[in-house]
Amino acid sequence: MLGCKNVLVDHVTIRNRLDVPNCDGIDPDHCRDVEIRNCDIACGDDAIVVKATRQTNDFGPCANIQVHDCVLRRRIPA
């Protein structure tokens, strides 16, 4: 999601390979009013990352992002 407003992510399952670095699950970038709930995410890096990347400053900052009732799993470093 990039520059989005009023987003609901509900009951989403994400299965990325646990041995692959830099494979995030959900990355709201410059988004506002986002709710992520009831999701089951397994990935090799971050399950959920709130971002404000430099190349997309025209969208404004992230605000009001809620995450709840999710199961998050990631690779445990050796």
PDB file of N, CA and C in Angstrom:
ATOM      1  N   MET A   1       0.841  -1.167   0.000  1.00  0.00           N
ATOM      2  CA  MET A   1       0.000   0.000   0.000  1.00  0.00           C
ATOM      3  C   MET A   1       0.889   1.235   0.000  1.00  0.00           C
ATOM      4  N   LEU A   2       0.596   2.169  -0.853  1.00  0.00           N
ATOM      5  CA  LEU A   2       1.388   3.388  -0.945  1.00  0.00           C
ATOM      6  C   LEU A   2       0.449   4.590  -1.024  1.00  0.00           C
ATOM      7  N   GLY A   3       0.527   5.462  -0.021  1.00  0.00           N
ATOM      8  CA  GLY A   3      -0.277   6.668  -0.017  1.00  0.00           C
ATOM      9  C   GLY A   3      -1.766   6.419   0.098  1.00  0.00           C
ATOM     10  N   CYS A   4      -2.164   5.332   0.723  1.00  0.00           N
ATOM     11  CA  CYS A   4      -3.581   4.962   0.824  1.00  0.00           C
ATOM     12  C   CYS A   4      -4.229   5.566   2.070  1.00  0.00           C
ATOM     13  N   LYS A   5      -5.553   5.721   2.006  1.00  0.00           N
ATOM     14  CA  LYS A   5      -6.328   6.180   3.158  1.00  0.00           C
ATOM     15  C   LYS A   5      -7.527   5.261   3.335  1.00  0.00           C
ATOM     16  N   ASN A   6      -7.932   5.081   4.601  1.00  0.00           N
ATOM     17  CA  ASN A   6      -9.131   4.297   4.925  1.00  0.00           C
ATOM     18  C   ASN A   6      -9.045   2.864   4.383  1.00  0.00           C
ATOM     19  N   VAL A   7      -8.041   2.114   4.852  1.00  0.00           N
ATOM     20  CA  VAL A   7      -7.786   0.751   4.380  1.00  0.00           C
ATOM     21  C   VAL A   7      -8.096  -0.239   5.491  1.00  0.00           C
ATOM     22  N   LEU A   8      -8.756  -1.335   5.133  1.00  0.00           N
ATOM     23  CA  LEU A   8      -8.976  -2.453   6.045  1.00  0.00           C
ATOM     24  C   LEU A   8      -8.343  -3.696   5.434  1.00  0.00           C
ATOM     25  N   VAL A   9      -7.405  -4.312   6.168  1.00  0.00           N
ATOM     26  CA  VAL A   9      -6.810  -5.592   5.773  1.00  0.00           C
ATOM     27  C   VAL A   9      -7.294  -6.589   6.814  1.00  0.00           C
ATOM     28  N   ASP A  10      -8.148  -7.517   6.424  1.00  0.00           N
ATOM     29  CA  ASP A  10      -8.815  -8.406   7.375  1.00  0.00           C
ATOM     30  C   ASP A  10      -8.756  -9.853   6.883  1.00  0.00           C
ATOM     31  N   HIS A  11      -8.367 -10.758   7.766  1.00  0.00           N
ATOM     32  CA  HIS A  11      -8.312 -12.203   7.478  1.00  0.00           C
ATOM     33  C   HIS A  11      -7.439 -12.525   6.262  1.00  0.00           C
ATOM     34  N   VAL A  12      -6.274 -11.926   6.192  1.00  0.00           N
ATOM     35  CA  VAL A  12      -5.332 -12.198   5.099  1.00  0.00           C
ATOM     36  C   VAL A  12      -4.264 -13.165   5.610  1.00  0.00           C
ATOM     37  N   THR A  13      -3.944 -14.160   4.817  1.00  0.00           N
ATOM     38  CA  THR A  13      -2.866 -15.094   5.132  1.00  0.00           C
ATOM     39  C   THR A  13      -1.732 -14.859   4.151  1.00  0.00           C
ATOM     40  N   ILE A  14      -0.523 -14.677   4.691  1.00  0.00           N
ATOM     41  CA  ILE A  14       0.663 -14.480   3.863  1.00  0.00           C
ATOM     42  C   ILE A  14       1.689 -15.528   4.269  1.00  0.00           C
ATOM     43  N   ARG A  15       2.202 -16.275   3.310  1.00  0.00           N
ATOM     44  CA  ARG A  15       3.232 -17.275   3.545  1.00  0.00           C
ATOM     45  C   ARG A  15       4.395 -17.012   2.609  1.00  0.00           C
ATOM     46  N   ASN A  16       5.398 -16.305   3.095  1.00  0.00           N
ATOM     47  CA  ASN A  16       6.637 -16.102   2.344  1.00  0.00           C
ATOM     48  C   ASN A  16       7.653 -17.135   2.816  1.00  0.00           C
ATOM     49  N   ARG A  17       8.655 -17.341   2.024  1.00  0.00           N
ATOM     50  CA  ARG A  17       9.708 -18.276   2.439  1.00  0.00           C
ATOM     51  C   ARG A  17      10.460 -17.693   3.621  1.00  0.00           C
ATOM     52  N   LEU A  18      10.637 -18.480   4.661  1.00  0.00           N
ATOM     53  CA  LEU A  18      11.293 -18.020   5.877  1.00  0.00           C
ATOM     54  C   LEU A  18      12.799 -17.837   5.707  1.00  0.00           C
ATOM     55  N   ASP A  19      13.374 -18.427   4.654  1.00  0.00           N
ATOM     56  CA  ASP A  19      14.821 -18.326   4.456  1.00  0.00           C
ATOM     57  C   ASP A  19      15.217 -17.216   3.480  1.00  0.00           C
ATOM     58  N   VAL A  20      14.274 -16.391   3.062  1.00  0.00           N
ATOM     59  CA  VAL A  20      14.555 -15.303   2.132  1.00  0.00           C
ATOM     60  C   VAL A  20      14.568 -13.981   2.894  1.00  0.00           C
ATOM     61  N   PRO A  21      15.694 -13.273   2.894  1.00  0.00           N
ATOM     62  CA  PRO A  21      15.741 -11.977   3.583  1.00  0.00           C
ATOM     63  C   PRO A  21      14.968 -10.917   2.792  1.00  0.00           C
ATOM     64  N   ASN A  22      14.572  -9.876   3.472  1.00  0.00           N
ATOM     65  CA  ASN A  22      13.879  -8.742   2.839  1.00  0.00           C
ATOM     66  C   ASN A  22      12.578  -9.130   2.148  1.00  0.00           C
ATOM     67  N   CYS A  23      11.851 -10.040   2.738  1.00  0.00           N
ATOM     68  CA  CYS A  23      10.531 -10.379   2.187  1.00  0.00           C
ATOM     69  C   CYS A  23       9.486 -10.092   3.271  1.00  0.00           C
ATOM     70  N   ASP A  24       9.150  -8.816   3.407  1.00  0.00           N
ATOM     71  CA  ASP A  24       8.163  -8.403   4.402  1.00  0.00           C
ATOM     72  C   ASP A  24       6.781  -8.933   4.055  1.00  0.00           C
ATOM     73  N   GLY A  25       5.909  -8.859   5.048  1.00  0.00           N
ATOM     74  CA  GLY A  25       4.521  -9.265   4.846  1.00  0.00           C
ATOM     75  C   GLY A  25       3.674  -8.108   4.329  1.00  0.00           C
ATOM     76  N   ILE A  26       3.348  -7.152   5.204  1.00  0.00           N
ATOM     77  CA  ILE A  26       2.515  -6.001   4.847  1.00  0.00           C
ATOM     78  C   ILE A  26       3.290  -4.736   5.191  1.00  0.00           C
ATOM     79  N   ASP A  27       3.401  -3.819   4.236  1.00  0.00           N
ATOM     80  CA  ASP A  27       4.165  -2.581   4.420  1.00  0.00           C
ATOM     81  C   ASP A  27       3.321  -1.359   4.056  1.00  0.00           C
ATOM     82  N   PRO A  28       2.491  -0.872   4.954  1.00  0.00           N
ATOM     83  CA  PRO A  28       1.804   0.387   4.636  1.00  0.00           C
ATOM     84  C   PRO A  28       2.827   1.524   4.577  1.00  0.00           C
ATOM     85  N   ASP A  29       2.909   2.195   3.452  1.00  0.00           N
ATOM     86  CA  ASP A  29       3.912   3.231   3.199  1.00  0.00           C
ATOM     87  C   ASP A  29       3.190   4.556   2.932  1.00  0.00           C
ATOM     88  N   HIS A  30       3.418   5.540   3.794  1.00  0.00           N
ATOM     89  CA  HIS A  30       2.758   6.850   3.680  1.00  0.00           C
ATOM     90  C   HIS A  30       1.238   6.695   3.689  1.00  0.00           C
ATOM     91  N   CYS A  31       0.706   5.807   4.514  1.00  0.00           N
ATOM     92  CA  CYS A  31      -0.728   5.539   4.568  1.00  0.00           C
ATOM     93  C   CYS A  31      -1.348   6.116   5.838  1.00  0.00           C
ATOM     94  N   ARG A  32      -2.651   6.378   5.752  1.00  0.00           N
ATOM     95  CA  ARG A  32      -3.384   6.895   6.911  1.00  0.00           C
ATOM     96  C   ARG A  32      -4.673   6.100   7.099  1.00  0.00           C
ATOM     97  N   ASP A  33      -5.052   5.989   8.371  1.00  0.00           N
ATOM     98  CA  ASP A  33      -6.309   5.315   8.733  1.00  0.00           C
ATOM     99  C   ASP A  33      -6.350   3.889   8.185  1.00  0.00           C
ATOM    100  N   VAL A  34      -5.402   3.079   8.643  1.00  0.00           N
ATOM    101  CA  VAL A  34      -5.271   1.684   8.215  1.00  0.00           C
ATOM    102  C   VAL A  34      -5.520   0.779   9.407  1.00  0.00           C
ATOM    103  N   GLU A  35      -6.315  -0.269   9.207  1.00  0.00           N
ATOM    104  CA  GLU A  35      -6.518  -1.295  10.234  1.00  0.00           C
ATOM    105  C   GLU A  35      -6.128  -2.638   9.635  1.00  0.00           C
ATOM    106  N   ILE A  36      -5.208  -3.325  10.311  1.00  0.00           N
ATOM    107  CA  ILE A  36      -4.778  -4.665   9.911  1.00  0.00           C
ATOM    108  C   ILE A  36      -5.203  -5.585  11.038  1.00  0.00           C
ATOM    109  N   ARG A  37      -6.100  -6.524  10.744  1.00  0.00           N
ATOM    110  CA  ARG A  37      -6.642  -7.368  11.812  1.00  0.00           C
ATOM    111  C   ARG A  37      -6.868  -8.800  11.320  1.00  0.00           C
ATOM    112  N   ASN A  38      -6.811  -9.719  12.285  1.00  0.00           N
ATOM    113  CA  ASN A  38      -7.112 -11.136  12.034  1.00  0.00           C
ATOM    114  C   ASN A  38      -6.264 -11.739  10.911  1.00  0.00           C
ATOM    115  N   CYS A  39      -5.017 -11.300  10.783  1.00  0.00           N
ATOM    116  CA  CYS A  39      -4.148 -11.811   9.728  1.00  0.00           C
ATOM    117  C   CYS A  39      -3.175 -12.848  10.282  1.00  0.00           C
ATOM    118  N   ASP A  40      -2.702 -13.714   9.431  1.00  0.00           N
ATOM    119  CA  ASP A  40      -1.740 -14.757   9.777  1.00  0.00           C
ATOM    120  C   ASP A  40      -0.575 -14.618   8.800  1.00  0.00           C
ATOM    121  N   ILE A  41       0.560 -14.106   9.313  1.00  0.00           N
ATOM    122  CA  ILE A  41       1.677 -13.754   8.436  1.00  0.00           C
ATOM    123  C   ILE A  41       2.938 -14.498   8.874  1.00  0.00           C
ATOM    124  N   ALA A  42       3.574 -15.194   7.938  1.00  0.00           N
ATOM    125  CA  ALA A  42       4.863 -15.845   8.176  1.00  0.00           C
ATOM    126  C   ALA A  42       5.806 -15.411   7.062  1.00  0.00           C
ATOM    127  N   CYS A  43       6.957 -14.853   7.439  1.00  0.00           N
ATOM    128  CA  CYS A  43       7.884 -14.371   6.431  1.00  0.00           C
ATOM    129  C   CYS A  43       9.304 -14.363   6.980  1.00  0.00           C
ATOM    130  N   GLY A  44      10.273 -14.222   6.082  1.00  0.00           N
ATOM    131  CA  GLY A  44      11.672 -14.251   6.475  1.00  0.00           C
ATOM    132  C   GLY A  44      12.184 -12.950   7.042  1.00  0.00           C
ATOM    133  N   ASP A  45      11.402 -11.899   6.969  1.00  0.00           N
ATOM    134  CA  ASP A  45      11.834 -10.599   7.480  1.00  0.00           C
ATOM    135  C   ASP A  45      10.722 -10.044   8.358  1.00  0.00           C
ATOM    136  N   ASP A  46      10.372  -8.780   8.206  1.00  0.00           N
ATOM    137  CA  ASP A  46       9.363  -8.164   9.060  1.00  0.00           C
ATOM    138  C   ASP A  46       7.956  -8.533   8.593  1.00  0.00           C
ATOM    139  N   ALA A  47       7.113  -8.915   9.528  1.00  0.00           N
ATOM    140  CA  ALA A  47       5.739  -9.261   9.181  1.00  0.00           C
ATOM    141  C   ALA A  47       4.952  -8.013   8.778  1.00  0.00           C
ATOM    142  N   ILE A  48       5.060  -6.948   9.579  1.00  0.00           N
ATOM    143  CA  ILE A  48       4.369  -5.687   9.282  1.00  0.00           C
ATOM    144  C   ILE A  48       5.340  -4.549   9.542  1.00  0.00           C
ATOM    145  N   VAL A  49       5.494  -3.656   8.569  1.00  0.00           N
ATOM    146  CA  VAL A  49       6.381  -2.512   8.701  1.00  0.00           C
ATOM    147  C   VAL A  49       5.634  -1.258   8.266  1.00  0.00           C
ATOM    148  N   VAL A  50       5.568  -0.278   9.146  1.00  0.00           N
ATOM    149  CA  VAL A  50       4.999   1.018   8.799  1.00  0.00           C
ATOM    150  C   VAL A  50       6.144   1.853   8.244  1.00  0.00           C
ATOM    151  N   LYS A  51       5.993   2.310   6.994  1.00  0.00           N
ATOM    152  CA  LYS A  51       7.096   2.986   6.306  1.00  0.00           C
ATOM    153  C   LYS A  51       6.725   4.404   5.901  1.00  0.00           C
ATOM    154  N   ALA A  52       7.756   5.201   5.725  1.00  0.00           N
ATOM    155  CA  ALA A  52       7.634   6.528   5.132  1.00  0.00           C
ATOM    156  C   ALA A  52       8.879   6.737   4.278  1.00  0.00           C
ATOM    157  N   THR A  53       8.905   6.074   3.136  1.00  0.00           N
ATOM    158  CA  THR A  53      10.080   6.106   2.278  1.00  0.00           C
ATOM    159  C   THR A  53      10.299   7.502   1.699  1.00  0.00           C
ATOM    160  N   ARG A  54      11.550   7.844   1.480  1.00  0.00           N
ATOM    161  CA  ARG A  54      11.921   9.187   1.006  1.00  0.00           C
ATOM    162  C   ARG A  54      11.385   9.509  -0.380  1.00  0.00           C
ATOM    163  N   GLN A  55      11.355   8.544  -1.269  1.00  0.00           N
ATOM    164  CA  GLN A  55      10.988   8.843  -2.649  1.00  0.00           C
ATOM    165  C   GLN A  55       9.495   9.124  -2.832  1.00  0.00           C
ATOM    166  N   THR A  56       8.697   9.014  -1.776  1.00  0.00           N
ATOM    167  CA  THR A  56       7.249   9.229  -1.913  1.00  0.00           C
ATOM    168  C   THR A  56       6.737  10.240  -0.896  1.00  0.00           C
ATOM    169  N   ASN A  57       7.503  11.290  -0.647  1.00  0.00           N
ATOM    170  CA  ASN A  57       7.116  12.292   0.342  1.00  0.00           C
ATOM    171  C   ASN A  57       5.823  13.025  -0.003  1.00  0.00           C
ATOM    172  N   ASP A  58       5.379  12.995  -1.260  1.00  0.00           N
ATOM    173  CA  ASP A  58       4.166  13.730  -1.628  1.00  0.00           C
ATOM    174  C   ASP A  58       2.911  13.182  -0.954  1.00  0.00           C
ATOM    175  N   PHE A  59       2.959  11.993  -0.394  1.00  0.00           N
ATOM    176  CA  PHE A  59       1.782  11.394   0.235  1.00  0.00           C
ATOM    177  C   PHE A  59       1.610  11.777   1.699  1.00  0.00           C
ATOM    178  N   GLY A  60       2.588  12.392   2.308  1.00  0.00           N
ATOM    179  CA  GLY A  60       2.489  12.754   3.722  1.00  0.00           C
ATOM    180  C   GLY A  60       2.897  11.597   4.626  1.00  0.00           C
ATOM    181  N   PRO A  61       2.901  11.830   5.940  1.00  0.00           N
ATOM    182  CA  PRO A  61       3.357  10.814   6.885  1.00  0.00           C
ATOM    183  C   PRO A  61       2.302   9.728   7.120  1.00  0.00           C
ATOM    184  N   CYS A  62       2.741   8.625   7.697  1.00  0.00           N
ATOM    185  CA  CYS A  62       1.815   7.585   8.147  1.00  0.00           C
ATOM    186  C   CYS A  62       1.096   8.080   9.404  1.00  0.00           C
ATOM    187  N   ALA A  63      -0.151   7.705   9.561  1.00  0.00           N
ATOM    188  CA  ALA A  63      -0.901   8.100  10.747  1.00  0.00           C
ATOM    189  C   ALA A  63      -2.065   7.142  10.969  1.00  0.00           C
ATOM    190  N   ASN A  64      -2.365   6.921  12.239  1.00  0.00           N
ATOM    191  CA  ASN A  64      -3.518   6.117  12.651  1.00  0.00           C
ATOM    192  C   ASN A  64      -3.522   4.720  12.008  1.00  0.00           C
ATOM    193  N   ILE A  65      -2.460   3.975  12.261  1.00  0.00           N
ATOM    194  CA  ILE A  65      -2.368   2.596  11.768  1.00  0.00           C
ATOM    195  C   ILE A  65      -2.506   1.667  12.953  1.00  0.00           C
ATOM    196  N   GLN A  66      -3.503   0.798  12.898  1.00  0.00           N
ATOM    197  CA  GLN A  66      -3.786  -0.136  13.981  1.00  0.00           C
ATOM    198  C   GLN A  66      -3.579  -1.570  13.508  1.00  0.00           C
ATOM    199  N   VAL A  67      -2.921  -2.359  14.357  1.00  0.00           N
ATOM    200  CA  VAL A  67      -2.706  -3.777  14.077  1.00  0.00           C
ATOM    201  C   VAL A  67      -3.177  -4.544  15.303  1.00  0.00           C
ATOM    202  N   HIS A  68      -4.071  -5.501  15.107  1.00  0.00           N
ATOM    203  CA  HIS A  68      -4.528  -6.289  16.256  1.00  0.00           C
ATOM    204  C   HIS A  68      -5.055  -7.652  15.821  1.00  0.00           C
ATOM    205  N   ASP A  69      -5.026  -8.557  16.787  1.00  0.00           N
ATOM    206  CA  ASP A  69      -5.533  -9.931  16.612  1.00  0.00           C
ATOM    207  C   ASP A  69      -4.880 -10.653  15.432  1.00  0.00           C
ATOM    208  N   CYS A  70      -3.577 -10.471  15.279  1.00  0.00           N
ATOM    209  CA  CYS A  70      -2.829 -11.119  14.201  1.00  0.00           C
ATOM    210  C   CYS A  70      -1.831 -12.122  14.785  1.00  0.00           C
ATOM    211  N   VAL A  71      -1.480 -13.124  13.980  1.00  0.00           N
ATOM    212  CA  VAL A  71      -0.410 -14.061  14.304  1.00  0.00           C
ATOM    213  C   VAL A  71       0.735 -13.730  13.356  1.00  0.00           C
ATOM    214  N   LEU A  72       1.891 -13.392  13.936  1.00  0.00           N
ATOM    215  CA  LEU A  72       3.046 -12.988  13.133  1.00  0.00           C
ATOM    216  C   LEU A  72       4.215 -13.909  13.432  1.00  0.00           C
ATOM    217  N   ARG A  73       4.826 -14.464  12.377  1.00  0.00           N
ATOM    218  CA  ARG A  73       5.993 -15.336  12.540  1.00  0.00           C
ATOM    219  C   ARG A  73       7.071 -14.879  11.574  1.00  0.00           C
ATOM    220  N   ARG A  74       8.315 -14.991  12.057  1.00  0.00           N
ATOM    221  CA  ARG A  74       9.447 -14.639  11.198  1.00  0.00           C
ATOM    222  C   ARG A  74      10.573 -15.624  11.438  1.00  0.00           C
ATOM    223  N   ARG A  75      11.535 -15.600  10.543  1.00  0.00           N
ATOM    224  CA  ARG A  75      12.704 -16.453  10.668  1.00  0.00           C
ATOM    225  C   ARG A  75      13.484 -16.036  11.908  1.00  0.00           C
ATOM    226  N   ILE A  76      13.899 -16.998  12.690  1.00  0.00           N
ATOM    227  CA  ILE A  76      14.726 -16.719  13.852  1.00  0.00           C
ATOM    228  C   ILE A  76      16.182 -16.815  13.399  1.00  0.00           C
ATOM    229  N   PRO A  77      16.973 -15.724  13.558  1.00  0.00           N
ATOM    230  CA  PRO A  77      18.356 -15.751  13.105  1.00  0.00           C
ATOM    231  C   PRO A  77      19.174 -16.833  13.815  1.00  0.00           C
ATOM    232  N   ALA A  78      20.106 -17.421  13.096  1.00  0.00           N
ATOM    233  CA  ALA A  78      20.946 -18.486  13.665  1.00  0.00           C
ATOM    234  C   ALA A  78      22.008 -17.918  14.566  1.00  0.00           C
TER     235      ALA A  78
END
